[in-house]
């Protein structure tokens, strides 16, 4: 089974958001335009804008959950040890 255009868009935008958050100088709007032209031709501009707005909202709403979760982790946590290589 292959990815739908919607799933492709989400995958590429999450990748771009991650790279951008890590400090890579990425023009997200340029990537959106290129994805629209080359990879997700079936999505309308309205669908793309709606998905993008939903992604941004989910990131903002999820931020508090991630912060709370990370605060629970400490150096003695099994999860912390797994991700830090300890």
PDB file of N, CA and C in Angstrom:
ATOM      1  N   UNK A   1       0.851  -1.170   0.000  1.00  0.00           N
ATOM      2  CA  UNK A   1       0.000   0.000   0.000  1.00  0.00           C
ATOM      3  C   UNK A   1       0.900   1.237   0.000  1.00  0.00           C
ATOM      4  N   UNK A   2       0.592   2.177  -0.851  1.00  0.00           N
ATOM      5  CA  UNK A   2       1.387   3.401  -0.908  1.00  0.00           C
ATOM      6  C   UNK A   2       0.708   4.508  -0.104  1.00  0.00           C
ATOM      7  N   UNK A   3       1.463   5.542   0.176  1.00  0.00           N
ATOM      8  CA  UNK A   3       0.938   6.671   0.939  1.00  0.00           C
ATOM      9  C   UNK A   3       0.010   7.511   0.067  1.00  0.00           C
ATOM     10  N   UNK A   4      -1.041   8.018   0.680  1.00  0.00           N
ATOM     11  CA  UNK A   4      -1.919   8.953  -0.024  1.00  0.00           C
ATOM     12  C   UNK A   4      -1.196  10.295  -0.140  1.00  0.00           C
ATOM     13  N   UNK A   5      -1.710  11.178  -0.975  1.00  0.00           N
ATOM     14  CA  UNK A   5      -1.114  12.511  -1.087  1.00  0.00           C
ATOM     15  C   UNK A   5      -1.154  13.232   0.252  1.00  0.00           C
ATOM     16  N   UNK A   6      -2.241  13.054   0.983  1.00  0.00           N
ATOM     17  CA  UNK A   6      -2.353  13.674   2.310  1.00  0.00           C
ATOM     18  C   UNK A   6      -1.250  13.163   3.236  1.00  0.00           C
ATOM     19  N   UNK A   7      -1.048  11.858   3.249  1.00  0.00           N
ATOM     20  CA  UNK A   7      -0.014  11.267   4.107  1.00  0.00           C
ATOM     21  C   UNK A   7       1.383  11.712   3.672  1.00  0.00           C
ATOM     22  N   UNK A   8       1.608  11.797   2.361  1.00  0.00           N
ATOM     23  CA  UNK A   8       2.901  12.286   1.865  1.00  0.00           C
ATOM     24  C   UNK A   8       3.153  13.715   2.348  1.00  0.00           C
ATOM     25  N   UNK A   9       2.124  14.554   2.224  1.00  0.00           N
ATOM     26  CA  UNK A   9       2.267  15.947   2.645  1.00  0.00           C
ATOM     27  C   UNK A   9       2.609  16.021   4.127  1.00  0.00           C
ATOM     28  N   UNK A  10       1.883  15.281   4.937  1.00  0.00           N
ATOM     29  CA  UNK A  10       2.130  15.293   6.380  1.00  0.00           C
ATOM     30  C   UNK A  10       3.546  14.808   6.679  1.00  0.00           C
ATOM     31  N   UNK A  11       3.965  13.732   6.041  1.00  0.00           N
ATOM     32  CA  UNK A  11       5.313  13.202   6.275  1.00  0.00           C
ATOM     33  C   UNK A  11       6.380  14.235   5.919  1.00  0.00           C
ATOM     34  N   UNK A  12       6.241  14.865   4.772  1.00  0.00           N
ATOM     35  CA  UNK A  12       7.234  15.856   4.349  1.00  0.00           C
ATOM     36  C   UNK A  12       7.223  17.089   5.248  1.00  0.00           C
ATOM     37  N   UNK A  13       6.053  17.538   5.654  1.00  0.00           N
ATOM     38  CA  UNK A  13       5.977  18.723   6.501  1.00  0.00           C
ATOM     39  C   UNK A  13       6.529  18.448   7.904  1.00  0.00           C
ATOM     40  N   UNK A  14       6.275  17.273   8.435  1.00  0.00           N
ATOM     41  CA  UNK A  14       6.835  16.921   9.747  1.00  0.00           C
ATOM     42  C   UNK A  14       8.359  16.851   9.654  1.00  0.00           C
ATOM     43  N   UNK A  15       8.866  16.297   8.564  1.00  0.00           N
ATOM     44  CA  UNK A  15      10.315  16.251   8.358  1.00  0.00           C
ATOM     45  C   UNK A  15      10.901  17.652   8.293  1.00  0.00           C
ATOM     46  N   UNK A  16      10.262  18.526   7.523  1.00  0.00           N
ATOM     47  CA  UNK A  16      10.738  19.910   7.385  1.00  0.00           C
ATOM     48  C   UNK A  16      10.658  20.647   8.715  1.00  0.00           C
ATOM     49  N   UNK A  17       9.568  20.445   9.455  1.00  0.00           N
ATOM     50  CA  UNK A  17       9.425  21.098  10.756  1.00  0.00           C
ATOM     51  C   UNK A  17      10.526  20.621  11.710  1.00  0.00           C
ATOM     52  N   UNK A  18      10.829  19.343  11.663  1.00  0.00           N
ATOM     53  CA  UNK A  18      11.882  18.789  12.529  1.00  0.00           C
ATOM     54  C   UNK A  18      13.235  19.363  12.162  1.00  0.00           C
ATOM     55  N   UNK A  19      13.561  19.373  10.881  1.00  0.00           N
ATOM     56  CA  UNK A  19      14.843  19.931  10.443  1.00  0.00           C
ATOM     57  C   UNK A  19      14.948  21.414  10.792  1.00  0.00           C
ATOM     58  N   UNK A  20      13.847  22.126  10.614  1.00  0.00           N
ATOM     59  CA  UNK A  20      13.830  23.547  10.947  1.00  0.00           C
ATOM     60  C   UNK A  20      14.055  23.760  12.444  1.00  0.00           C
ATOM     61  N   UNK A  21      13.407  22.936  13.262  1.00  0.00           N
ATOM     62  CA  UNK A  21      13.564  23.047  14.717  1.00  0.00           C
ATOM     63  C   UNK A  21      14.988  22.727  15.152  1.00  0.00           C
ATOM     64  N   UNK A  22      15.689  21.923  14.347  1.00  0.00           N
ATOM     65  CA  UNK A  22      17.067  21.561  14.673  1.00  0.00           C
ATOM     66  C   UNK A  22      18.054  22.611  14.171  1.00  0.00           C
ATOM     67  N   UNK A  23      17.538  23.657  13.525  1.00  0.00           N
ATOM     68  CA  UNK A  23      18.398  24.758  13.123  1.00  0.00           C
ATOM     69  C   UNK A  23      18.725  24.836  11.644  1.00  0.00           C
ATOM     70  N   UNK A  24      18.243  23.901  10.840  1.00  0.00           N
ATOM     71  CA  UNK A  24      18.486  23.978   9.406  1.00  0.00           C
ATOM     72  C   UNK A  24      17.678  25.131   8.819  1.00  0.00           C
ATOM     73  N   UNK A  25      18.323  25.973   8.013  1.00  0.00           N
ATOM     74  CA  UNK A  25      17.597  27.104   7.419  1.00  0.00           C
ATOM     75  C   UNK A  25      16.727  26.617   6.256  1.00  0.00           C
ATOM     76  N   UNK A  26      15.455  26.358   6.536  1.00  0.00           N
ATOM     77  CA  UNK A  26      14.554  25.796   5.538  1.00  0.00           C
ATOM     78  C   UNK A  26      13.377  26.743   5.340  1.00  0.00           C
ATOM     79  N   UNK A  27      13.089  27.030   4.086  1.00  0.00           N
ATOM     80  CA  UNK A  27      11.916  27.841   3.742  1.00  0.00           C
ATOM     81  C   UNK A  27      10.735  26.883   3.612  1.00  0.00           C
ATOM     82  N   UNK A  28       9.924  26.811   4.653  1.00  0.00           N
ATOM     83  CA  UNK A  28       8.831  25.844   4.692  1.00  0.00           C
ATOM     84  C   UNK A  28       7.823  26.109   3.570  1.00  0.00           C
ATOM     85  N   UNK A  29       7.542  27.361   3.275  1.00  0.00           N
ATOM     86  CA  UNK A  29       6.589  27.661   2.200  1.00  0.00           C
ATOM     87  C   UNK A  29       7.120  27.213   0.847  1.00  0.00           C
ATOM     88  N   UNK A  30       8.417  27.347   0.623  1.00  0.00           N
ATOM     89  CA  UNK A  30       9.013  26.879  -0.622  1.00  0.00           C
ATOM     90  C   UNK A  30       8.883  25.362  -0.734  1.00  0.00           C
ATOM     91  N   UNK A  31       9.135  24.662   0.357  1.00  0.00           N
ATOM     92  CA  UNK A  31       8.985  23.205   0.361  1.00  0.00           C
ATOM     93  C   UNK A  31       7.540  22.825   0.080  1.00  0.00           C
ATOM     94  N   UNK A  32       6.595  23.534   0.684  1.00  0.00           N
ATOM     95  CA  UNK A  32       5.176  23.262   0.424  1.00  0.00           C
ATOM     96  C   UNK A  32       4.854  23.409  -1.059  1.00  0.00           C
ATOM     97  N   UNK A  33       5.345  24.480  -1.656  1.00  0.00           N
ATOM     98  CA  UNK A  33       5.079  24.703  -3.089  1.00  0.00           C
ATOM     99  C   UNK A  33       5.681  23.594  -3.946  1.00  0.00           C
ATOM    100  N   UNK A  34       6.915  23.209  -3.640  1.00  0.00           N
ATOM    101  CA  UNK A  34       7.577  22.153  -4.408  1.00  0.00           C
ATOM    102  C   UNK A  34       6.879  20.807  -4.222  1.00  0.00           C
ATOM    103  N   UNK A  35       6.442  20.516  -2.994  1.00  0.00           N
ATOM    104  CA  UNK A  35       5.719  19.272  -2.747  1.00  0.00           C
ATOM    105  C   UNK A  35       4.410  19.269  -3.538  1.00  0.00           C
ATOM    106  N   UNK A  36       3.734  20.392  -3.547  1.00  0.00           N
ATOM    107  CA  UNK A  36       2.454  20.520  -4.277  1.00  0.00           C
ATOM    108  C   UNK A  36       2.668  20.258  -5.761  1.00  0.00           C
ATOM    109  N   UNK A  37       3.747  20.788  -6.292  1.00  0.00           N
ATOM    110  CA  UNK A  37       4.020  20.684  -7.722  1.00  0.00           C
ATOM    111  C   UNK A  37       4.514  19.281  -8.112  1.00  0.00           C
ATOM    112  N   UNK A  38       5.275  18.641  -7.233  1.00  0.00           N
ATOM    113  CA  UNK A  38       5.962  17.420  -7.617  1.00  0.00           C
ATOM    114  C   UNK A  38       5.488  16.132  -6.945  1.00  0.00           C
ATOM    115  N   UNK A  39       4.886  16.213  -5.767  1.00  0.00           N
ATOM    116  CA  UNK A  39       4.585  14.990  -5.021  1.00  0.00           C
ATOM    117  C   UNK A  39       3.130  14.841  -4.612  1.00  0.00           C
ATOM    118  N   UNK A  40       2.413  15.941  -4.470  1.00  0.00           N
ATOM    119  CA  UNK A  40       1.043  15.857  -3.940  1.00  0.00           C
ATOM    120  C   UNK A  40       0.082  16.632  -4.834  1.00  0.00           C
ATOM    121  N   UNK A  41       0.100  16.298  -6.093  1.00  0.00           N
ATOM    122  CA  UNK A  41      -0.672  17.049  -7.096  1.00  0.00           C
ATOM    123  C   UNK A  41      -2.177  17.008  -6.883  1.00  0.00           C
ATOM    124  N   UNK A  42      -2.679  15.970  -6.232  1.00  0.00           N
ATOM    125  CA  UNK A  42      -4.131  15.814  -6.081  1.00  0.00           C
ATOM    126  C   UNK A  42      -4.733  16.694  -4.991  1.00  0.00           C
ATOM    127  N   UNK A  43      -3.906  17.186  -4.079  1.00  0.00           N
ATOM    128  CA  UNK A  43      -4.422  18.030  -2.995  1.00  0.00           C
ATOM    129  C   UNK A  43      -4.665  19.448  -3.499  1.00  0.00           C
ATOM    130  N   UNK A  44      -5.781  20.012  -3.100  1.00  0.00           N
ATOM    131  CA  UNK A  44      -6.069  21.407  -3.446  1.00  0.00           C
ATOM    132  C   UNK A  44      -5.338  22.338  -2.482  1.00  0.00           C
ATOM    133  N   UNK A  45      -5.255  23.589  -2.847  1.00  0.00           N
ATOM    134  CA  UNK A  45      -4.637  24.581  -1.956  1.00  0.00           C
ATOM    135  C   UNK A  45      -5.384  24.644  -0.626  1.00  0.00           C
ATOM    136  N   UNK A  46      -6.712  24.565  -0.680  1.00  0.00           N
ATOM    137  CA  UNK A  46      -7.508  24.598   0.554  1.00  0.00           C
ATOM    138  C   UNK A  46      -7.198  23.390   1.439  1.00  0.00           C
ATOM    139  N   UNK A  47      -7.059  22.214   0.834  1.00  0.00           N
ATOM    140  CA  UNK A  47      -6.729  21.009   1.614  1.00  0.00           C
ATOM    141  C   UNK A  47      -5.347  21.138   2.253  1.00  0.00           C
ATOM    142  N   UNK A  48      -4.400  21.651   1.489  1.00  0.00           N
ATOM    143  CA  UNK A  48      -3.042  21.837   2.014  1.00  0.00           C
ATOM    144  C   UNK A  48      -3.051  22.820   3.173  1.00  0.00           C
ATOM    145  N   UNK A  49      -3.748  23.930   2.995  1.00  0.00           N
ATOM    146  CA  UNK A  49      -3.819  24.928   4.073  1.00  0.00           C
ATOM    147  C   UNK A  49      -4.488  24.357   5.316  1.00  0.00           C
ATOM    148  N   UNK A  50      -5.526  23.568   5.116  1.00  0.00           N
ATOM    149  CA  UNK A  50      -6.234  22.958   6.243  1.00  0.00           C
ATOM    150  C   UNK A  50      -5.338  21.966   6.985  1.00  0.00           C
ATOM    151  N   UNK A  51      -4.642  21.118   6.239  1.00  0.00           N
ATOM    152  CA  UNK A  51      -3.734  20.149   6.868  1.00  0.00           C
ATOM    153  C   UNK A  51      -2.631  20.881   7.611  1.00  0.00           C
ATOM    154  N   UNK A  52      -2.060  21.900   6.989  1.00  0.00           N
ATOM    155  CA  UNK A  52      -0.970  22.664   7.611  1.00  0.00           C
ATOM    156  C   UNK A  52      -1.451  23.318   8.905  1.00  0.00           C
ATOM    157  N   UNK A  53      -2.637  23.899   8.872  1.00  0.00           N
ATOM    158  CA  UNK A  53      -3.198  24.516  10.083  1.00  0.00           C
ATOM    159  C   UNK A  53      -3.421  23.462  11.175  1.00  0.00           C
ATOM    160  N   UNK A  54      -3.913  22.286  10.781  1.00  0.00           N
ATOM    161  CA  UNK A  54      -4.117  21.202  11.744  1.00  0.00           C
ATOM    162  C   UNK A  54      -2.798  20.741  12.353  1.00  0.00           C
ATOM    163  N   UNK A  55      -1.747  20.647  11.531  1.00  0.00           N
ATOM    164  CA  UNK A  55      -0.430  20.245  12.038  1.00  0.00           C
ATOM    165  C   UNK A  55       0.103  21.258  13.046  1.00  0.00           C
ATOM    166  N   UNK A  56      -0.001  22.537  12.700  1.00  0.00           N
ATOM    167  CA  UNK A  56       0.476  23.577  13.615  1.00  0.00           C
ATOM    168  C   UNK A  56      -0.299  23.548  14.923  1.00  0.00           C
ATOM    169  N   UNK A  57      -1.615  23.385  14.832  1.00  0.00           N
ATOM    170  CA  UNK A  57      -2.443  23.339  16.036  1.00  0.00           C
ATOM    171  C   UNK A  57      -2.063  22.143  16.911  1.00  0.00           C
ATOM    172  N   UNK A  58      -1.844  21.004  16.287  1.00  0.00           N
ATOM    173  CA  UNK A  58      -1.495  19.805  17.044  1.00  0.00           C
ATOM    174  C   UNK A  58      -0.133  19.966  17.719  1.00  0.00           C
ATOM    175  N   UNK A  59       0.820  20.581  17.035  1.00  0.00           N
ATOM    176  CA  UNK A  59       2.135  20.833  17.638  1.00  0.00           C
ATOM    177  C   UNK A  59       1.982  21.726  18.866  1.00  0.00           C
ATOM    178  N   UNK A  60       1.221  22.789  18.722  1.00  0.00           N
ATOM    179  CA  UNK A  60       1.038  23.709  19.851  1.00  0.00           C
ATOM    180  C   UNK A  60       0.288  23.050  21.003  1.00  0.00           C
ATOM    181  N   UNK A  61      -0.759  22.301  20.685  1.00  0.00           N
ATOM    182  CA  UNK A  61      -1.530  21.632  21.728  1.00  0.00           C
ATOM    183  C   UNK A  61      -0.747  20.498  22.377  1.00  0.00           C
ATOM    184  N   UNK A  62       0.073  19.832  21.604  1.00  0.00           N
ATOM    185  CA  UNK A  62       0.852  18.719  22.127  1.00  0.00           C
ATOM    186  C   UNK A  62       2.064  19.149  22.930  1.00  0.00           C
ATOM    187  N   UNK A  63       2.467  20.396  22.786  1.00  0.00           N
ATOM    188  CA  UNK A  63       3.668  20.893  23.471  1.00  0.00           C
ATOM    189  C   UNK A  63       3.584  20.682  24.977  1.00  0.00           C
ATOM    190  N   UNK A  64       2.467  21.006  25.567  1.00  0.00           N
ATOM    191  CA  UNK A  64       2.311  20.856  27.020  1.00  0.00           C
ATOM    192  C   UNK A  64       2.423  19.391  27.430  1.00  0.00           C
ATOM    193  N   UNK A  65       1.875  18.503  26.621  1.00  0.00           N
ATOM    194  CA  UNK A  65       1.951  17.069  26.933  1.00  0.00           C
ATOM    195  C   UNK A  65       3.402  16.607  26.900  1.00  0.00           C
ATOM    196  N   UNK A  66       4.137  17.017  25.869  1.00  0.00           N
ATOM    197  CA  UNK A  66       5.546  16.622  25.770  1.00  0.00           C
ATOM    198  C   UNK A  66       6.365  17.201  26.919  1.00  0.00           C
ATOM    199  N   UNK A  67       6.105  18.455  27.258  1.00  0.00           N
ATOM    200  CA  UNK A  67       6.852  19.071  28.358  1.00  0.00           C
ATOM    201  C   UNK A  67       6.587  18.332  29.672  1.00  0.00           C
ATOM    202  N   UNK A  68       5.332  17.984  29.914  1.00  0.00           N
ATOM    203  CA  UNK A  68       4.988  17.251  31.130  1.00  0.00           C
ATOM    204  C   UNK A  68       5.650  15.870  31.134  1.00  0.00           C
ATOM    205  N   UNK A  69       5.616  15.211  30.001  1.00  0.00           N
ATOM    206  CA  UNK A  69       6.216  13.887  29.882  1.00  0.00           C
ATOM    207  C   UNK A  69       7.729  13.965  30.123  1.00  0.00           C
ATOM    208  N   UNK A  70       8.387  14.944  29.524  1.00  0.00           N
ATOM    209  CA  UNK A  70       9.837  15.074  29.678  1.00  0.00           C
ATOM    210  C   UNK A  70      10.214  15.428  31.112  1.00  0.00           C
ATOM    211  N   UNK A  71       9.371  16.184  31.793  1.00  0.00           N
ATOM    212  CA  UNK A  71       9.641  16.521  33.185  1.00  0.00           C
ATOM    213  C   UNK A  71       9.586  15.296  34.094  1.00  0.00           C
ATOM    214  N   UNK A  72       8.803  14.293  33.702  1.00  0.00           N
ATOM    215  CA  UNK A  72       8.721  13.064  34.489  1.00  0.00           C
ATOM    216  C   UNK A  72       9.968  12.204  34.331  1.00  0.00           C
ATOM    217  N   UNK A  73      10.643  12.360  33.200  1.00  0.00           N
ATOM    218  CA  UNK A  73      11.854  11.580  32.959  1.00  0.00           C
ATOM    219  C   UNK A  73      13.008  12.192  33.742  1.00  0.00           C
ATOM    220  N   UNK A  74      13.800  11.353  34.318  1.00  0.00           N
ATOM    221  CA  UNK A  74      15.012  11.831  34.965  1.00  0.00           C
ATOM    222  C   UNK A  74      16.116  10.844  34.660  1.00  0.00           C
ATOM    223  N   UNK A  75      17.276  11.068  35.189  1.00  0.00           N
ATOM    224  CA  UNK A  75      18.420  10.223  34.858  1.00  0.00           C
ATOM    225  C   UNK A  75      18.221   8.778  35.281  1.00  0.00           C
ATOM    226  N   UNK A  76      17.339   8.501  36.219  1.00  0.00           N
ATOM    227  CA  UNK A  76      17.097   7.136  36.673  1.00  0.00           C
ATOM    228  C   UNK A  76      15.974   6.447  35.897  1.00  0.00           C
ATOM    229  N   UNK A  77      15.330   7.163  35.003  1.00  0.00           N
ATOM    230  CA  UNK A  77      14.213   6.614  34.238  1.00  0.00           C
ATOM    231  C   UNK A  77      14.716   5.667  33.156  1.00  0.00           C
ATOM    232  N   UNK A  78      14.031   4.531  32.995  1.00  0.00           N
ATOM    233  CA  UNK A  78      14.385   3.593  31.930  1.00  0.00           C
ATOM    234  C   UNK A  78      14.269   4.245  30.560  1.00  0.00           C
ATOM    235  N   UNK A  79      13.245   5.084  30.361  1.00  0.00           N
ATOM    236  CA  UNK A  79      13.061   5.758  29.092  1.00  0.00           C
ATOM    237  C   UNK A  79      14.232   6.691  28.831  1.00  0.00           C
ATOM    238  N   UNK A  80      14.624   7.452  29.813  1.00  0.00           N
ATOM    239  CA  UNK A  80      15.752   8.367  29.665  1.00  0.00           C
ATOM    240  C   UNK A  80      17.006   7.593  29.295  1.00  0.00           C
ATOM    241  N   UNK A  81      17.250   6.485  29.969  1.00  0.00           N
ATOM    242  CA  UNK A  81      18.441   5.676  29.689  1.00  0.00           C
ATOM    243  C   UNK A  81      18.422   5.146  28.272  1.00  0.00           C
ATOM    244  N   UNK A  82      17.265   4.701  27.784  1.00  0.00           N
ATOM    245  CA  UNK A  82      17.160   4.178  26.425  1.00  0.00           C
ATOM    246  C   UNK A  82      17.489   5.240  25.395  1.00  0.00           C
ATOM    247  N   UNK A  83      16.991   6.453  25.579  1.00  0.00           N
ATOM    248  CA  UNK A  83      17.188   7.488  24.580  1.00  0.00           C
ATOM    249  C   UNK A  83      18.516   8.219  24.723  1.00  0.00           C
ATOM    250  N   UNK A  84      19.133   8.177  25.880  1.00  0.00           N
ATOM    251  CA  UNK A  84      20.389   8.899  26.042  1.00  0.00           C
ATOM    252  C   UNK A  84      21.596   7.981  25.860  1.00  0.00           C
ATOM    253  N   UNK A  85      21.350   6.684  25.702  1.00  0.00           N
ATOM    254  CA  UNK A  85      22.451   5.763  25.480  1.00  0.00           C
ATOM    255  C   UNK A  85      23.177   5.348  26.744  1.00  0.00           C
ATOM    256  N   UNK A  86      22.592   5.647  27.918  1.00  0.00           N
ATOM    257  CA  UNK A  86      23.219   5.290  29.191  1.00  0.00           C
ATOM    258  C   UNK A  86      23.036   3.815  29.456  1.00  0.00           C
TER     259      UNK A  86
END
